[in-house]
Amino acid sequence: MRVTVFGASGLLGRALMQECQGTGITGLNSRQADIMNSEQVRAALDKTRPEWVVLAAAYTDVDGCESNSHKAFDVNCRGAIHVAEAAKEVGARLIFLSTDYVFDGRKRTPYEVEDLRAPQSVYGRSKAEAEEQLQRILPSCCIVRTSWLFGVGGKCFPDTILKMAATRPILDVVDDQRGAPTYTCDLARAIIQLCNAGATGILHATNRGECSWYEFAREIIQNAGLKAEVRPTTSEQFARPAPRPEYSVLSPSSLVRYGIVMPTWQDALPRYLAERAAASTKP
């Protein structure tokens, strides 16, 4: 199976390249193919002629999107349209990575794929609009929503917590936002399975289980064997430019229909810590 990944140098892109070693995968970073440049995208797919395109490239600075909405929509929406149009031209299938931020966070039970989009942030709106446009261009595309992504090779919540715990005895972390942490390696495996299954439509893919950021941070500290104290606080005390969903747990039912069951986030965390430790010892 020939797969071309846009955003190969990002958190998920790195995991996809690692999981697909030895297969027909081509990874492209923004220097090799800028998704905001339609000609570069077309040239890349003309050269690689993939069966599947995985669009993992995005502008994911949620707070940065609030002050730079033009960039958010240029990358997350118009860039996605360029990739979809080029994929259609070469007859490739498309997997587009989307987000829990397309929802408003007002539910208290896991979001299903058919729940209405109601994004509250610029980032969420840029992704929601991209979903709608891609379904128009490629009705058979596969949209994979995920949440709270973490992995080795870039900025993520566990990495931030571990760095802070190395210098601070006390960490205050919000306890009024709930979601599902998702390990890039587990998501990459699920994406490969979806390609093999010829998946279409909107799917939700996260590690199983849910927690607050405070509960996640406490588990990170405990698993890492650190002594920093983690204290719960509120979103109001840690005001950010972009609103965050209070509850954004995604239901796994759409993924289960393809026979895919992802591990729990508690299972994923020690594997991430081991991978992170191994990466830090490499020359």
C-alpha atoms as a PDB file:
ATOM      1  CA  MET A   1       0.000   0.000   0.000  1.00  0.00           C
ATOM      2  CA  ARG A   2       1.394   3.371  -1.056  1.00  0.00           C
ATOM      3  CA  VAL A   3       0.769   6.133   1.509  1.00  0.00           C
ATOM      4  CA  THR A   4       1.818   9.779   1.397  1.00  0.00           C
ATOM      5  CA  VAL A   5       1.828  11.693   4.683  1.00  0.00           C
ATOM      6  CA  PHE A   6       1.665  15.489   4.781  1.00  0.00           C
ATOM      7  CA  GLY A   7       3.057  16.762   8.082  1.00  0.00           C
ATOM      8  CA  ALA A   8       5.587  13.965   8.492  1.00  0.00           C
ATOM      9  CA  SER A   9       7.751  15.979  10.890  1.00  0.00           C
ATOM     10  CA  GLY A  10       4.942  16.627  13.379  1.00  0.00           C
ATOM     11  CA  LEU A  11       3.973  14.546  16.410  1.00  0.00           C
ATOM     12  CA  LEU A  12       1.610  12.225  14.563  1.00  0.00           C
ATOM     13  CA  GLY A  13       3.584  12.297  11.328  1.00  0.00           C
ATOM     14  CA  ARG A  14       6.692  11.022  13.105  1.00  0.00           C
ATOM     15  CA  ALA A  15       4.708   8.167  14.640  1.00  0.00           C
ATOM     16  CA  LEU A  16       3.212   7.242  11.275  1.00  0.00           C
ATOM     17  CA  MET A  17       6.635   7.141   9.645  1.00  0.00           C
ATOM     18  CA  GLN A  18       7.936   4.977  12.479  1.00  0.00           C
ATOM     19  CA  GLU A  19       4.998   2.557  12.383  1.00  0.00           C
ATOM     20  CA  CYS A  20       5.165   2.215   8.586  1.00  0.00           C
ATOM     21  CA  GLN A  21       8.896   1.535   8.261  1.00  0.00           C
ATOM     22  CA  GLY A  22       9.641  -0.848   5.424  1.00  0.00           C
ATOM     23  CA  THR A  23       6.373  -0.165   3.593  1.00  0.00           C
ATOM     24  CA  GLY A  24       5.499   2.132   0.716  1.00  0.00           C
ATOM     25  CA  ILE A  25       5.155   5.293   2.787  1.00  0.00           C
ATOM     26  CA  THR A  26       6.392   8.736   1.774  1.00  0.00           C
ATOM     27  CA  GLY A  27       6.631  11.463   4.380  1.00  0.00           C
ATOM     28  CA  LEU A  28       6.562  15.136   3.422  1.00  0.00           C
ATOM     29  CA  ASN A  29       7.276  18.098   5.673  1.00  0.00           C
ATOM     30  CA  SER A  30       6.343  21.718   4.950  1.00  0.00           C
ATOM     31  CA  ARG A  31       9.663  22.408   3.216  1.00  0.00           C
ATOM     32  CA  GLN A  32       9.083  19.533   0.804  1.00  0.00           C
ATOM     33  CA  ALA A  33       5.417  20.301   0.163  1.00  0.00           C
ATOM     34  CA  ASP A  34       3.676  23.320   1.667  1.00  0.00           C
ATOM     35  CA  ILE A  35      -0.037  22.499   1.740  1.00  0.00           C
ATOM     36  CA  MET A  36      -0.833  26.201   1.271  1.00  0.00           C
ATOM     37  CA  ASN A  37       0.786  25.924  -2.183  1.00  0.00           C
ATOM     38  CA  SER A  38      -1.550  23.935  -4.418  1.00  0.00           C
ATOM     39  CA  GLU A  39       1.104  23.432  -7.102  1.00  0.00           C
ATOM     40  CA  GLN A  40       3.550  21.915  -4.614  1.00  0.00           C
ATOM     41  CA  VAL A  41       0.845  19.579  -3.344  1.00  0.00           C
ATOM     42  CA  ARG A  42      -0.100  18.471  -6.860  1.00  0.00           C
ATOM     43  CA  ALA A  43       3.547  17.918  -7.792  1.00  0.00           C
ATOM     44  CA  ALA A  44       4.125  15.832  -4.681  1.00  0.00           C
ATOM     45  CA  LEU A  45       1.171  13.543  -5.352  1.00  0.00           C
ATOM     46  CA  ASP A  46       1.973  13.303  -9.063  1.00  0.00           C
ATOM     47  CA  LYS A  47       5.389  12.014  -8.028  1.00  0.00           C
ATOM     48  CA  THR A  48       4.351   9.619  -5.239  1.00  0.00           C
ATOM     49  CA  ARG A  49       1.044   8.408  -6.804  1.00  0.00           C
ATOM     50  CA  PRO A  50      -0.305   7.146  -3.469  1.00  0.00           C
ATOM     51  CA  GLU A  51      -3.303   4.957  -2.810  1.00  0.00           C
ATOM     52  CA  TRP A  52      -3.849   6.877   0.454  1.00  0.00           C
ATOM     53  CA  VAL A  53      -3.019  10.400   1.553  1.00  0.00           C
ATOM     54  CA  VAL A  54      -2.875  11.143   5.286  1.00  0.00           C
ATOM     55  CA  LEU A  55      -3.172  14.844   6.057  1.00  0.00           C
ATOM     56  CA  ALA A  56      -1.550  15.343   9.457  1.00  0.00           C
ATOM     57  CA  ALA A  57      -0.205  18.841   8.725  1.00  0.00           C
ATOM     58  CA  ALA A  58      -2.024  21.596  10.619  1.00  0.00           C
ATOM     59  CA  TYR A  59      -1.663  24.843  12.529  1.00  0.00           C
ATOM     60  CA  THR A  60      -2.344  23.490  16.020  1.00  0.00           C
ATOM     61  CA  ASP A  61      -1.389  26.460  18.196  1.00  0.00           C
ATOM     62  CA  VAL A  62      -4.908  26.880  19.579  1.00  0.00           C
ATOM     63  CA  ASP A  63      -4.208  30.218  21.261  1.00  0.00           C
ATOM     64  CA  GLY A  64      -2.139  31.422  18.315  1.00  0.00           C
ATOM     65  CA  CYS A  65      -5.109  30.769  16.036  1.00  0.00           C
ATOM     66  CA  GLU A  66      -7.154  33.316  17.987  1.00  0.00           C
ATOM     67  CA  SER A  67      -4.757  36.130  17.096  1.00  0.00           C
ATOM     68  CA  ASN A  68      -3.914  34.801  13.633  1.00  0.00           C
ATOM     69  CA  SER A  69      -7.195  33.575  12.203  1.00  0.00           C
ATOM     70  CA  HIS A  70      -6.040  34.088   8.596  1.00  0.00           C
ATOM     71  CA  LYS A  71      -3.194  31.634   9.095  1.00  0.00           C
ATOM     72  CA  ALA A  72      -5.494  29.183  10.875  1.00  0.00           C
ATOM     73  CA  PHE A  73      -7.930  29.057   7.943  1.00  0.00           C
ATOM     74  CA  ASP A  74      -5.153  29.190   5.323  1.00  0.00           C
ATOM     75  CA  VAL A  75      -3.462  26.109   6.773  1.00  0.00           C
ATOM     76  CA  ASN A  76      -6.263  24.112   8.360  1.00  0.00           C
ATOM     77  CA  CYS A  77      -8.969  24.726   5.779  1.00  0.00           C
ATOM     78  CA  ARG A  78      -7.592  26.021   2.483  1.00  0.00           C
ATOM     79  CA  GLY A  79      -4.490  23.847   2.800  1.00  0.00           C
ATOM     80  CA  ALA A  80      -6.719  20.817   3.375  1.00  0.00           C
ATOM     81  CA  ILE A  81      -8.755  21.723   0.282  1.00  0.00           C
ATOM     82  CA  HIS A  82      -5.558  21.775  -1.805  1.00  0.00           C
ATOM     83  CA  VAL A  83      -4.671  18.287  -0.590  1.00  0.00           C
ATOM     84  CA  ALA A  84      -8.180  16.933  -1.202  1.00  0.00           C
ATOM     85  CA  GLU A  85      -8.329  18.336  -4.719  1.00  0.00           C
ATOM     86  CA  ALA A  86      -4.902  16.900  -5.577  1.00  0.00           C
ATOM     87  CA  ALA A  87      -5.812  13.520  -4.064  1.00  0.00           C
ATOM     88  CA  LYS A  88      -8.959  13.449  -6.197  1.00  0.00           C
ATOM     89  CA  GLU A  89      -6.915  14.174  -9.333  1.00  0.00           C
ATOM     90  CA  VAL A  90      -4.599  11.201  -8.768  1.00  0.00           C
ATOM     91  CA  GLY A  91      -7.369   8.876  -7.569  1.00  0.00           C
ATOM     92  CA  ALA A  92      -6.084   8.601  -3.988  1.00  0.00           C
ATOM     93  CA  ARG A  93      -8.123   8.099  -0.840  1.00  0.00           C
ATOM     94  CA  LEU A  94      -7.784  10.672   1.942  1.00  0.00           C
ATOM     95  CA  ILE A  95      -7.596  10.578   5.729  1.00  0.00           C
ATOM     96  CA  PHE A  96      -7.895  14.009   7.324  1.00  0.00           C
ATOM     97  CA  LEU A  97      -6.975  14.516  10.982  1.00  0.00           C
ATOM     98  CA  SER A  98      -9.504  16.640  12.819  1.00  0.00           C
ATOM     99  CA  THR A  99     -10.200  17.506  16.436  1.00  0.00           C
ATOM    100  CA  ASP A 100     -12.513  17.399  19.425  1.00  0.00           C
ATOM    101  CA  TYR A 101     -12.542  21.216  19.234  1.00  0.00           C
ATOM    102  CA  VAL A 102     -15.264  21.036  16.570  1.00  0.00           C
ATOM    103  CA  PHE A 103     -17.658  20.535  19.534  1.00  0.00           C
ATOM    104  CA  ASP A 104     -18.722  23.065  22.156  1.00  0.00           C
ATOM    105  CA  GLY A 105     -18.009  20.851  25.176  1.00  0.00           C
ATOM    106  CA  ARG A 106     -21.473  21.166  26.698  1.00  0.00           C
ATOM    107  CA  LYS A 107     -22.329  17.472  26.631  1.00  0.00           C
ATOM    108  CA  ARG A 108     -21.560  15.220  29.562  1.00  0.00           C
ATOM    109  CA  THR A 109     -21.545  11.968  27.613  1.00  0.00           C
ATOM    110  CA  PRO A 110     -19.064  11.057  24.852  1.00  0.00           C
ATOM    111  CA  TYR A 111     -19.580  12.825  21.542  1.00  0.00           C
ATOM    112  CA  GLU A 112     -20.799  10.667  18.657  1.00  0.00           C
ATOM    113  CA  VAL A 113     -19.804  11.331  15.046  1.00  0.00           C
ATOM    114  CA  GLU A 114     -23.297  12.561  14.182  1.00  0.00           C
ATOM    115  CA  ASP A 115     -23.379  15.213  16.927  1.00  0.00           C
ATOM    116  CA  LEU A 116     -23.605  18.724  15.532  1.00  0.00           C
ATOM    117  CA  ARG A 117     -20.441  20.734  15.125  1.00  0.00           C
ATOM    118  CA  ALA A 118     -20.390  23.815  17.346  1.00  0.00           C
ATOM    119  CA  PRO A 119     -16.791  25.044  17.561  1.00  0.00           C
ATOM    120  CA  GLN A 120     -16.051  27.783  20.089  1.00  0.00           C
ATOM    121  CA  SER A 121     -12.532  28.727  18.964  1.00  0.00           C
ATOM    122  CA  VAL A 122     -10.892  29.839  15.718  1.00  0.00           C
ATOM    123  CA  TYR A 123      -8.933  26.589  15.645  1.00  0.00           C
ATOM    124  CA  GLY A 124     -12.118  24.567  16.016  1.00  0.00           C
ATOM    125  CA  ARG A 125     -13.913  26.606  13.350  1.00  0.00           C
ATOM    126  CA  SER A 126     -11.058  26.168  10.878  1.00  0.00           C
ATOM    127  CA  LYS A 127     -11.166  22.401  11.339  1.00  0.00           C
ATOM    128  CA  ALA A 128     -14.966  22.221  11.219  1.00  0.00           C
ATOM    129  CA  GLU A 129     -15.059  24.150   7.952  1.00  0.00           C
ATOM    130  CA  ALA A 130     -12.345  21.899   6.534  1.00  0.00           C
ATOM    131  CA  GLU A 131     -14.441  18.832   7.399  1.00  0.00           C
ATOM    132  CA  GLU A 132     -17.419  20.240   5.487  1.00  0.00           C
ATOM    133  CA  GLN A 133     -15.341  21.240   2.463  1.00  0.00           C
ATOM    134  CA  LEU A 134     -13.532  17.911   2.234  1.00  0.00           C
ATOM    135  CA  GLN A 135     -16.774  15.949   2.351  1.00  0.00           C
ATOM    136  CA  ARG A 136     -17.969  18.062  -0.570  1.00  0.00           C
ATOM    137  CA  ILE A 137     -14.788  17.540  -2.633  1.00  0.00           C
ATOM    138  CA  LEU A 138     -14.223  13.883  -1.713  1.00  0.00           C
ATOM    139  CA  PRO A 139     -17.449  12.351  -0.366  1.00  0.00           C
ATOM    140  CA  SER A 140     -15.595   9.091   0.333  1.00  0.00           C
ATOM    141  CA  CYS A 141     -12.849  10.732   2.428  1.00  0.00           C
ATOM    142  CA  CYS A 142     -12.199   9.609   5.989  1.00  0.00           C
ATOM    143  CA  ILE A 143     -12.203  12.276   8.705  1.00  0.00           C
ATOM    144  CA  VAL A 144     -10.532  11.109  11.922  1.00  0.00           C
ATOM    145  CA  ARG A 145     -11.211  13.273  14.956  1.00  0.00           C
ATOM    146  CA  THR A 146      -8.866  12.837  17.878  1.00  0.00           C
ATOM    147  CA  SER A 147      -8.026  14.662  21.116  1.00  0.00           C
ATOM    148  CA  TRP A 148      -5.290  15.578  23.593  1.00  0.00           C
ATOM    149  CA  LEU A 149      -2.527  14.201  21.366  1.00  0.00           C
ATOM    150  CA  PHE A 150       0.815  13.384  22.965  1.00  0.00           C
ATOM    151  CA  GLY A 151       3.970  11.758  21.693  1.00  0.00           C
ATOM    152  CA  VAL A 152       7.741  11.995  21.362  1.00  0.00           C
ATOM    153  CA  GLY A 153       9.371  14.538  19.089  1.00  0.00           C
ATOM    154  CA  GLY A 154       7.527  17.759  19.812  1.00  0.00           C
ATOM    155  CA  LYS A 155       5.542  19.841  22.249  1.00  0.00           C
ATOM    156  CA  CYS A 156       2.795  18.034  24.144  1.00  0.00           C
ATOM    157  CA  PHE A 157       1.184  18.114  27.582  1.00  0.00           C
ATOM    158  CA  PRO A 158       3.187  15.283  29.235  1.00  0.00           C
ATOM    159  CA  ASP A 159       6.467  16.732  28.004  1.00  0.00           C
ATOM    160  CA  THR A 160       5.521  20.148  29.390  1.00  0.00           C
ATOM    161  CA  ILE A 161       4.501  18.676  32.762  1.00  0.00           C
ATOM    162  CA  LEU A 162       7.732  16.688  33.060  1.00  0.00           C
ATOM    163  CA  LYS A 163       9.869  19.737  32.271  1.00  0.00           C
ATOM    164  CA  MET A 164       7.959  21.873  34.766  1.00  0.00           C
ATOM    165  CA  ALA A 165       8.208  19.184  37.455  1.00  0.00           C
ATOM    166  CA  ALA A 166      11.984  19.176  37.084  1.00  0.00           C
ATOM    167  CA  THR A 167      12.179  22.748  38.371  1.00  0.00           C
ATOM    168  CA  ARG A 168       8.985  23.350  40.374  1.00  0.00           C
ATOM    169  CA  PRO A 169       7.860  21.598  43.578  1.00  0.00           C
ATOM    170  CA  ILE A 170       4.183  22.439  42.987  1.00  0.00           C
ATOM    171  CA  LEU A 171       2.164  22.371  39.751  1.00  0.00           C
ATOM    172  CA  ASP A 172      -1.341  23.835  39.472  1.00  0.00           C
ATOM    173  CA  VAL A 173      -3.354  22.145  36.706  1.00  0.00           C
ATOM    174  CA  VAL A 174      -6.954  22.702  35.615  1.00  0.00           C
ATOM    175  CA  ASP A 175      -9.435  20.094  36.809  1.00  0.00           C
ATOM    176  CA  ASP A 176     -12.590  21.310  35.024  1.00  0.00           C
ATOM    177  CA  GLN A 177     -11.793  20.178  31.468  1.00  0.00           C
ATOM    178  CA  ARG A 178     -12.256  16.511  30.587  1.00  0.00           C
ATOM    179  CA  GLY A 179     -11.075  14.647  27.533  1.00  0.00           C
ATOM    180  CA  ALA A 180      -9.239  11.569  26.291  1.00  0.00           C
ATOM    181  CA  PRO A 181      -5.429  11.658  26.021  1.00  0.00           C
ATOM    182  CA  THR A 182      -4.234   9.991  22.814  1.00  0.00           C
ATOM    183  CA  TYR A 183      -0.769   8.544  22.215  1.00  0.00           C
ATOM    184  CA  THR A 184       0.519   9.163  18.698  1.00  0.00           C
ATOM    185  CA  CYS A 185       1.819   5.602  18.266  1.00  0.00           C
ATOM    186  CA  ASP A 186      -1.598   4.126  19.068  1.00  0.00           C
ATOM    187  CA  LEU A 187      -3.335   6.587  16.753  1.00  0.00           C
ATOM    188  CA  ALA A 188      -0.847   5.856  13.968  1.00  0.00           C
ATOM    189  CA  ARG A 189      -1.621   2.134  14.224  1.00  0.00           C
ATOM    190  CA  ALA A 190      -5.343   2.852  14.095  1.00  0.00           C
ATOM    191  CA  ILE A 191      -4.875   5.017  10.986  1.00  0.00           C
ATOM    192  CA  ILE A 192      -2.981   2.231   9.232  1.00  0.00           C
ATOM    193  CA  GLN A 193      -5.805  -0.183  10.072  1.00  0.00           C
ATOM    194  CA  LEU A 194      -8.341   2.287   8.703  1.00  0.00           C
ATOM    195  CA  CYS A 195      -6.404   2.539   5.446  1.00  0.00           C
ATOM    196  CA  ASN A 196      -6.343  -1.244   5.160  1.00  0.00           C
ATOM    197  CA  ALA A 197     -10.088  -1.331   5.827  1.00  0.00           C
ATOM    198  CA  GLY A 198     -10.879   1.332   3.218  1.00  0.00           C
ATOM    199  CA  ALA A 199     -12.546   3.522   5.832  1.00  0.00           C
ATOM    200  CA  THR A 200     -14.874   6.353   4.874  1.00  0.00           C
ATOM    201  CA  GLY A 201     -16.879   9.003   6.718  1.00  0.00           C
ATOM    202  CA  ILE A 202     -16.271  10.599  10.098  1.00  0.00           C
ATOM    203  CA  LEU A 203     -14.609   8.538  12.833  1.00  0.00           C
ATOM    204  CA  HIS A 204     -13.467   9.208  16.399  1.00  0.00           C
ATOM    205  CA  ALA A 205     -10.106   7.764  17.425  1.00  0.00           C
ATOM    206  CA  THR A 206      -8.638   8.287  20.900  1.00  0.00           C
ATOM    207  CA  ASN A 207      -7.170   6.143  23.606  1.00  0.00           C
ATOM    208  CA  ARG A 208      -9.942   4.697  25.766  1.00  0.00           C
ATOM    209  CA  GLY A 209     -10.923   6.315  29.033  1.00  0.00           C
ATOM    210  CA  GLU A 210     -11.204   9.928  30.118  1.00  0.00           C
ATOM    211  CA  CYS A 211      -9.692  12.284  32.666  1.00  0.00           C
ATOM    212  CA  SER A 212      -9.160  15.930  33.500  1.00  0.00           C
ATOM    213  CA  TRP A 213      -5.879  17.686  32.795  1.00  0.00           C
ATOM    214  CA  TYR A 214      -5.202  17.569  36.545  1.00  0.00           C
ATOM    215  CA  GLU A 215      -5.780  13.809  36.686  1.00  0.00           C
ATOM    216  CA  PHE A 216      -3.591  13.334  33.619  1.00  0.00           C
ATOM    217  CA  ALA A 217      -0.791  15.431  35.142  1.00  0.00           C
ATOM    218  CA  ARG A 218      -0.967  13.533  38.429  1.00  0.00           C
ATOM    219  CA  GLU A 219      -0.668  10.220  36.559  1.00  0.00           C
ATOM    220  CA  ILE A 220       2.300  11.543  34.564  1.00  0.00           C
ATOM    221  CA  ILE A 221       4.146  12.573  37.737  1.00  0.00           C
ATOM    222  CA  GLN A 222       3.435   9.259  39.455  1.00  0.00           C
ATOM    223  CA  ASN A 223       4.499   7.155  36.460  1.00  0.00           C
ATOM    224  CA  ALA A 224       7.684   9.174  36.070  1.00  0.00           C
ATOM    225  CA  GLY A 225       8.551   8.705  39.756  1.00  0.00           C
ATOM    226  CA  LEU A 226       8.787  12.444  40.406  1.00  0.00           C
ATOM    227  CA  LYS A 227       7.999  14.225  43.667  1.00  0.00           C
ATOM    228  CA  ALA A 228       6.302  17.395  42.459  1.00  0.00           C
ATOM    229  CA  GLU A 229       2.889  18.050  43.999  1.00  0.00           C
ATOM    230  CA  VAL A 230       0.011  18.465  41.532  1.00  0.00           C
ATOM    231  CA  ARG A 231      -2.859  20.661  42.706  1.00  0.00           C
ATOM    232  CA  PRO A 232      -6.255  21.098  41.005  1.00  0.00           C
ATOM    233  CA  THR A 233      -7.317  24.534  39.824  1.00  0.00           C
ATOM    234  CA  THR A 234      -9.920  26.041  37.493  1.00  0.00           C
ATOM    235  CA  SER A 235      -9.903  27.293  33.923  1.00  0.00           C
ATOM    236  CA  GLU A 236     -10.988  30.691  35.219  1.00  0.00           C
ATOM    237  CA  GLN A 237      -7.742  30.983  37.156  1.00  0.00           C
ATOM    238  CA  PHE A 238      -5.747  30.041  34.049  1.00  0.00           C
ATOM    239  CA  ALA A 239      -7.482  32.169  31.426  1.00  0.00           C
ATOM    240  CA  ARG A 240      -6.315  31.482  27.867  1.00  0.00           C
ATOM    241  CA  PRO A 241      -7.080  33.380  24.620  1.00  0.00           C
ATOM    242  CA  ALA A 242      -8.965  30.414  23.109  1.00  0.00           C
ATOM    243  CA  PRO A 243     -11.904  28.804  24.904  1.00  0.00           C
ATOM    244  CA  ARG A 244     -11.450  25.116  25.661  1.00  0.00           C
ATOM    245  CA  PRO A 245     -14.298  22.567  25.685  1.00  0.00           C
ATOM    246  CA  GLU A 246     -15.222  21.621  29.242  1.00  0.00           C
ATOM    247  CA  TYR A 247     -16.005  18.090  28.065  1.00  0.00           C
ATOM    248  CA  SER A 248     -14.715  16.701  24.782  1.00  0.00           C
ATOM    249  CA  VAL A 249     -14.568  12.934  25.220  1.00  0.00           C
ATOM    250  CA  LEU A 250     -15.110  11.236  21.846  1.00  0.00           C
ATOM    251  CA  SER A 251     -17.123   8.027  21.636  1.00  0.00           C
ATOM    252  CA  PRO A 252     -15.187   5.022  20.238  1.00  0.00           C
ATOM    253  CA  SER A 253     -18.275   3.417  18.660  1.00  0.00           C
ATOM    254  CA  SER A 254     -17.413   4.540  15.107  1.00  0.00           C
ATOM    255  CA  LEU A 255     -13.933   2.997  15.404  1.00  0.00           C
ATOM    256  CA  VAL A 256     -15.222  -0.218  16.938  1.00  0.00           C
ATOM    257  CA  ARG A 257     -17.387  -0.741  13.840  1.00  0.00           C
ATOM    258  CA  TYR A 258     -14.101  -1.302  11.988  1.00  0.00           C
ATOM    259  CA  GLY A 259     -12.964  -3.788  14.627  1.00  0.00           C
ATOM    260  CA  ILE A 260     -10.427  -1.355  16.091  1.00  0.00           C
ATOM    261  CA  VAL A 261     -10.122  -0.995  19.869  1.00  0.00           C
ATOM    262  CA  MET A 262      -7.410   1.371  21.063  1.00  0.00           C
ATOM    263  CA  PRO A 263      -5.649   0.838  24.432  1.00  0.00           C
ATOM    264  CA  THR A 264      -6.492   2.950  27.458  1.00  0.00           C
ATOM    265  CA  TRP A 265      -4.569   6.170  28.023  1.00  0.00           C
ATOM    266  CA  GLN A 266      -3.286   4.663  31.288  1.00  0.00           C
ATOM    267  CA  ASP A 267      -1.741   1.849  29.227  1.00  0.00           C
ATOM    268  CA  ALA A 268      -0.296   4.319  26.723  1.00  0.00           C
ATOM    269  CA  LEU A 269       1.368   6.661  29.217  1.00  0.00           C
ATOM    270  CA  PRO A 270       4.148   4.306  30.436  1.00  0.00           C
ATOM    271  CA  ARG A 271       4.952   3.420  26.826  1.00  0.00           C
ATOM    272  CA  TYR A 272       5.264   7.107  25.992  1.00  0.00           C
ATOM    273  CA  LEU A 273       7.551   7.674  28.983  1.00  0.00           C
ATOM    274  CA  ALA A 274       9.746   4.752  27.925  1.00  0.00           C
ATOM    275  CA  GLU A 275       9.926   6.059  24.357  1.00  0.00           C
ATOM    276  CA  ARG A 276      10.739   9.552  25.603  1.00  0.00           C
ATOM    277  CA  ALA A 277      13.521   8.225  27.852  1.00  0.00           C
ATOM    278  CA  ALA A 278      14.990   6.163  24.991  1.00  0.00           C
ATOM    279  CA  ALA A 279      14.894   9.171  22.657  1.00  0.00           C
ATOM    280  CA  SER A 280      16.763  11.322  25.201  1.00  0.00           C
ATOM    281  CA  THR A 281      19.709   8.892  25.233  1.00  0.00           C
ATOM    282  CA  LYS A 282      20.180   8.848  21.475  1.00  0.00           C
ATOM    283  CA  PRO A 283      23.226  10.768  20.199  1.00  0.00           C
END
